[in-house]
C-alpha cells in the first residue's frame, strides 16, 4: 500500500483508478471498506533558490 493511503480515519483503502502519475500517483480515486469513494490529488510546493543572486 502507498504511504499516501495510510489514513487511519478512513480505514482500509483501495485505489480504483489512477488518472495522473508522476513518480507516484498524483491524481487518483479510491474507496474504503464502507464503499465511500474519494478523489485524491497530490499538491507539492517547492521553494527554489535562485541560481544567480544580484549584488
PDB file of N, CA and C in Angstrom:
ATOM      1  N   UNK A   1       0.845  -1.180   0.000  1.00  0.00           N
ATOM      2  CA  UNK A   1       0.000   0.000   0.000  1.00  0.00           C
ATOM      3  C   UNK A   1       0.887   1.240   0.000  1.00  0.00           C
ATOM      4  N   UNK A   2       0.449   2.260  -0.682  1.00  0.00           N
ATOM      5  CA  UNK A   2       1.197   3.512  -0.731  1.00  0.00           C
ATOM      6  C   UNK A   2       1.140   4.229   0.608  1.00  0.00           C
ATOM      7  N   UNK A   3       2.213   4.927   0.919  1.00  0.00           N
ATOM      8  CA  UNK A   3       2.275   5.713   2.154  1.00  0.00           C
ATOM      9  C   UNK A   3       1.153   6.758   2.183  1.00  0.00           C
ATOM     10  N   UNK A   4       0.798   7.311   1.014  1.00  0.00           N
ATOM     11  CA  UNK A   4      -0.227   8.357   0.969  1.00  0.00           C
ATOM     12  C   UNK A   4      -1.617   7.819   1.286  1.00  0.00           C
ATOM     13  N   UNK A   5      -1.780   6.489   1.265  1.00  0.00           N
ATOM     14  CA  UNK A   5      -3.076   5.900   1.598  1.00  0.00           C
ATOM     15  C   UNK A   5      -3.169   5.480   3.056  1.00  0.00           C
ATOM     16  N   UNK A   6      -2.194   5.831   3.860  1.00  0.00           N
ATOM     17  CA  UNK A   6      -2.199   5.460   5.267  1.00  0.00           C
ATOM     18  C   UNK A   6      -2.957   6.520   6.064  1.00  0.00           C
ATOM     19  N   UNK A   7      -4.288   6.458   6.011  1.00  0.00           N
ATOM     20  CA  UNK A   7      -5.152   7.409   6.708  1.00  0.00           C
ATOM     21  C   UNK A   7      -6.062   6.598   7.632  1.00  0.00           C
ATOM     22  N   UNK A   8      -5.686   6.437   8.905  1.00  0.00           N
ATOM     23  CA  UNK A   8      -6.425   5.559   9.816  1.00  0.00           C
ATOM     24  C   UNK A   8      -7.918   5.881   9.935  1.00  0.00           C
ATOM     25  N   UNK A   9      -8.302   7.150   9.843  1.00  0.00           N
ATOM     26  CA  UNK A   9      -9.696   7.539   9.999  1.00  0.00           C
ATOM     27  C   UNK A   9     -10.589   6.973   8.895  1.00  0.00           C
ATOM     28  N   UNK A  10     -10.006   6.676   7.715  1.00  0.00           N
ATOM     29  CA  UNK A  10     -10.794   6.185   6.585  1.00  0.00           C
ATOM     30  C   UNK A  10     -10.824   4.671   6.499  1.00  0.00           C
ATOM     31  N   UNK A  11      -9.989   3.984   7.260  1.00  0.00           N
ATOM     32  CA  UNK A  11      -9.948   2.527   7.210  1.00  0.00           C
ATOM     33  C   UNK A  11      -9.097   2.041   6.048  1.00  0.00           C
ATOM     34  N   UNK A  12      -9.296   0.772   5.676  1.00  0.00           N
ATOM     35  CA  UNK A  12      -8.528   0.185   4.584  1.00  0.00           C
ATOM     36  C   UNK A  12      -8.967   0.814   3.254  1.00  0.00           C
ATOM     37  N   UNK A  13      -7.985   1.277   2.478  1.00  0.00           N
ATOM     38  CA  UNK A  13      -8.272   1.972   1.219  1.00  0.00           C
ATOM     39  C   UNK A  13      -7.790   1.164   0.025  1.00  0.00           C
ATOM     40  N   UNK A  14      -8.547   1.264  -1.058  1.00  0.00           N
ATOM     41  CA  UNK A  14      -8.210   0.567  -2.301  1.00  0.00           C
ATOM     42  C   UNK A  14      -8.262   1.562  -3.452  1.00  0.00           C
ATOM     43  N   UNK A  15      -7.183   1.644  -4.233  1.00  0.00           N
ATOM     44  CA  UNK A  15      -7.162   2.530  -5.400  1.00  0.00           C
ATOM     45  C   UNK A  15      -8.075   1.941  -6.478  1.00  0.00           C
ATOM     46  N   UNK A  16      -8.951   2.777  -6.999  1.00  0.00           N
ATOM     47  CA  UNK A  16      -9.877   2.369  -8.059  1.00  0.00           C
ATOM     48  C   UNK A  16      -9.275   2.667  -9.419  1.00  0.00           C
ATOM     49  N   UNK A  17      -8.821   3.915  -9.610  1.00  0.00           N
ATOM     50  CA  UNK A  17      -8.234   4.301 -10.895  1.00  0.00           C
ATOM     51  C   UNK A  17      -7.222   5.415 -10.695  1.00  0.00           C
ATOM     52  N   UNK A  18      -6.109   5.332 -11.420  1.00  0.00           N
ATOM     53  CA  UNK A  18      -5.079   6.384 -11.406  1.00  0.00           C
ATOM     54  C   UNK A  18      -5.254   7.203 -12.674  1.00  0.00           C
ATOM     55  N   UNK A  19      -5.450   8.517 -12.516  1.00  0.00           N
ATOM     56  CA  UNK A  19      -5.657   9.403 -13.660  1.00  0.00           C
ATOM     57  C   UNK A  19      -4.362  10.071 -14.108  1.00  0.00           C
ATOM     58  N   UNK A  20      -3.504  10.437 -13.173  1.00  0.00           N
ATOM     59  CA  UNK A  20      -2.202  11.044 -13.475  1.00  0.00           C
ATOM     60  C   UNK A  20      -1.150  10.402 -12.594  1.00  0.00           C
ATOM     61  N   UNK A  21       0.033  10.173 -13.174  1.00  0.00           N
ATOM     62  CA  UNK A  21       1.115   9.525 -12.450  1.00  0.00           C
ATOM     63  C   UNK A  21       2.415  10.262 -12.743  1.00  0.00           C
ATOM     64  N   UNK A  22       3.153  10.631 -11.692  1.00  0.00           N
ATOM     65  CA  UNK A  22       4.460  11.259 -11.840  1.00  0.00           C
ATOM     66  C   UNK A  22       5.315  10.819 -10.665  1.00  0.00           C
ATOM     67  N   UNK A  23       6.078   9.752 -10.823  1.00  0.00           N
ATOM     68  CA  UNK A  23       6.879   9.115  -9.777  1.00  0.00           C
ATOM     69  C   UNK A  23       6.017   8.431  -8.714  1.00  0.00           C
ATOM     70  N   UNK A  24       4.798   8.802  -8.628  1.00  0.00           N
ATOM     71  CA  UNK A  24       3.801   8.178  -7.757  1.00  0.00           C
ATOM     72  C   UNK A  24       2.443   8.657  -8.256  1.00  0.00           C
ATOM     73  N   UNK A  25       1.362   7.995  -7.888  1.00  0.00           N
ATOM     74  CA  UNK A  25       0.054   8.516  -8.305  1.00  0.00           C
ATOM     75  C   UNK A  25      -0.171   9.913  -7.732  1.00  0.00           C
ATOM     76  N   UNK A  26      -0.543  10.862  -8.584  1.00  0.00           N
ATOM     77  CA  UNK A  26      -0.782  12.228  -8.116  1.00  0.00           C
ATOM     78  C   UNK A  26      -2.257  12.628  -8.223  1.00  0.00           C
ATOM     79  N   UNK A  27      -3.027  11.916  -9.033  1.00  0.00           N
ATOM     80  CA  UNK A  27      -4.470  12.126  -9.111  1.00  0.00           C
ATOM     81  C   UNK A  27      -5.111  10.758  -9.289  1.00  0.00           C
ATOM     82  N   UNK A  28      -5.865  10.329  -8.295  1.00  0.00           N
ATOM     83  CA  UNK A  28      -6.487   9.016  -8.384  1.00  0.00           C
ATOM     84  C   UNK A  28      -7.737   8.954  -7.516  1.00  0.00           C
ATOM     85  N   UNK A  29      -8.571   7.967  -7.794  1.00  0.00           N
ATOM     86  CA  UNK A  29      -9.756   7.731  -6.978  1.00  0.00           C
ATOM     87  C   UNK A  29      -9.529   6.468  -6.166  1.00  0.00           C
ATOM     88  N   UNK A  30     -10.139   6.422  -4.994  1.00  0.00           N
ATOM     89  CA  UNK A  30     -10.027   5.254  -4.137  1.00  0.00           C
ATOM     90  C   UNK A  30     -11.297   5.114  -3.317  1.00  0.00           C
ATOM     91  N   UNK A  31     -11.490   3.938  -2.721  1.00  0.00           N
ATOM     92  CA  UNK A  31     -12.645   3.726  -1.852  1.00  0.00           C
ATOM     93  C   UNK A  31     -12.201   3.008  -0.591  1.00  0.00           C
ATOM     94  N   UNK A  32     -13.014   3.174   0.462  1.00  0.00           N
ATOM     95  CA  UNK A  32     -12.719   2.489   1.716  1.00  0.00           C
ATOM     96  C   UNK A  32     -13.614   1.262   1.828  1.00  0.00           C
ATOM     97  N   UNK A  33     -13.490   0.542   2.932  1.00  0.00           N
ATOM     98  CA  UNK A  33     -14.238  -0.702   3.126  1.00  0.00           C
ATOM     99  C   UNK A  33     -15.744  -0.469   3.162  1.00  0.00           C
ATOM    100  N   UNK A  34     -16.178   0.730   3.550  1.00  0.00           N
ATOM    101  CA  UNK A  34     -17.607   1.048   3.598  1.00  0.00           C
ATOM    102  C   UNK A  34     -18.166   1.373   2.214  1.00  0.00           C
ATOM    103  N   UNK A  35     -17.279   1.488   1.205  1.00  0.00           N
ATOM    104  CA  UNK A  35     -17.717   1.774  -0.159  1.00  0.00           C
ATOM    105  C   UNK A  35     -17.754   3.247  -0.521  1.00  0.00           C
ATOM    106  N   UNK A  36     -17.299   4.118   0.375  1.00  0.00           N
ATOM    107  CA  UNK A  36     -17.257   5.549   0.062  1.00  0.00           C
ATOM    108  C   UNK A  36     -16.132   5.815  -0.928  1.00  0.00           C
ATOM    109  N   UNK A  37     -16.424   6.610  -1.948  1.00  0.00           N
ATOM    110  CA  UNK A  37     -15.441   6.954  -2.972  1.00  0.00           C
ATOM    111  C   UNK A  37     -14.800   8.303  -2.665  1.00  0.00           C
ATOM    112  N   UNK A  38     -13.506   8.415  -2.963  1.00  0.00           N
ATOM    113  CA  UNK A  38     -12.757   9.647  -2.729  1.00  0.00           C
ATOM    114  C   UNK A  38     -11.899   9.948  -3.946  1.00  0.00           C
ATOM    115  N   UNK A  39     -11.618  11.217  -4.152  1.00  0.00           N
ATOM    116  CA  UNK A  39     -10.691  11.666  -5.193  1.00  0.00           C
ATOM    117  C   UNK A  39      -9.512  12.306  -4.483  1.00  0.00           C
ATOM    118  N   UNK A  40      -8.312  11.868  -4.810  1.00  0.00           N
ATOM    119  CA  UNK A  40      -7.101  12.355  -4.154  1.00  0.00           C
ATOM    120  C   UNK A  40      -6.233  13.072  -5.170  1.00  0.00           C
ATOM    121  N   UNK A  41      -5.693  14.203  -4.789  1.00  0.00           N
ATOM    122  CA  UNK A  41      -4.710  14.887  -5.611  1.00  0.00           C
ATOM    123  C   UNK A  41      -3.533  15.277  -4.728  1.00  0.00           C
ATOM    124  N   UNK A  42      -2.340  15.102  -5.245  1.00  0.00           N
ATOM    125  CA  UNK A  42      -1.120  15.421  -4.528  1.00  0.00           C
ATOM    126  C   UNK A  42      -0.637  16.781  -5.004  1.00  0.00           C
ATOM    127  N   UNK A  43      -0.550  17.734  -4.106  1.00  0.00           N
ATOM    128  CA  UNK A  43      -0.041  19.067  -4.417  1.00  0.00           C
ATOM    129  C   UNK A  43       1.249  19.272  -3.655  1.00  0.00           C
ATOM    130  N   UNK A  44       2.252  19.719  -4.342  1.00  0.00           N
ATOM    131  CA  UNK A  44       3.554  19.916  -3.721  1.00  0.00           C
ATOM    132  C   UNK A  44       4.023  21.335  -4.002  1.00  0.00           C
ATOM    133  N   UNK A  45       4.456  22.007  -2.982  1.00  0.00           N
ATOM    134  CA  UNK A  45       5.047  23.329  -3.170  1.00  0.00           C
ATOM    135  C   UNK A  45       6.542  23.208  -2.944  1.00  0.00           C
ATOM    136  N   UNK A  46       7.286  23.750  -3.862  1.00  0.00           N
ATOM    137  CA  UNK A  46       8.741  23.677  -3.798  1.00  0.00           C
ATOM    138  C   UNK A  46       9.290  25.101  -3.766  1.00  0.00           C
ATOM    139  N   UNK A  47      10.159  25.358  -2.834  1.00  0.00           N
ATOM    140  CA  UNK A  47      10.839  26.649  -2.772  1.00  0.00           C
ATOM    141  C   UNK A  47      12.181  26.492  -3.463  1.00  0.00           C
ATOM    142  N   UNK A  48      12.350  27.242  -4.528  1.00  0.00           N
ATOM    143  CA  UNK A  48      13.587  27.167  -5.303  1.00  0.00           C
ATOM    144  C   UNK A  48      14.502  28.317  -4.926  1.00  0.00           C
ATOM    145  N   UNK A  49      15.759  28.028  -4.804  1.00  0.00           N
ATOM    146  CA  UNK A  49      16.748  29.078  -4.563  1.00  0.00           C
ATOM    147  C   UNK A  49      17.195  29.620  -5.908  1.00  0.00           C
ATOM    148  N   UNK A  50      17.312  30.919  -6.025  1.00  0.00           N
ATOM    149  CA  UNK A  50      17.781  31.472  -7.295  1.00  0.00           C
ATOM    150  C   UNK A  50      19.229  31.045  -7.578  1.00  0.00           C
ATOM    151  N   UNK A  51      19.503  30.748  -8.837  1.00  0.00           N
ATOM    152  CA  UNK A  51      20.853  30.370  -9.247  1.00  0.00           C
ATOM    153  C   UNK A  51      21.762  31.591  -9.213  1.00  0.00           C
ATOM    154  N   UNK A  52      21.217  32.716  -9.618  1.00  0.00           N
ATOM    155  CA  UNK A  52      22.002  33.967  -9.682  1.00  0.00           C
ATOM    156  C   UNK A  52      21.407  34.954  -8.687  1.00  0.00           C
ATOM    157  N   UNK A  53      22.198  35.453  -7.774  1.00  0.00           N
ATOM    158  CA  UNK A  53      21.765  36.460  -6.819  1.00  0.00           C
ATOM    159  C   UNK A  53      22.434  37.792  -7.168  1.00  0.00           C
ATOM    160  N   UNK A  54      21.642  38.814  -7.457  1.00  0.00           N
ATOM    161  CA  UNK A  54      22.241  40.120  -7.754  1.00  0.00           C
ATOM    162  C   UNK A  54      22.981  40.680  -6.533  1.00  0.00           C
ATOM    163  N   UNK A  55      24.037  41.452  -6.782  1.00  0.00           N
ATOM    164  CA  UNK A  55      24.821  42.062  -5.696  1.00  0.00           C
ATOM    165  C   UNK A  55      24.189  43.328  -5.209  1.00  0.00           C
TER     166      UNK A  55
END
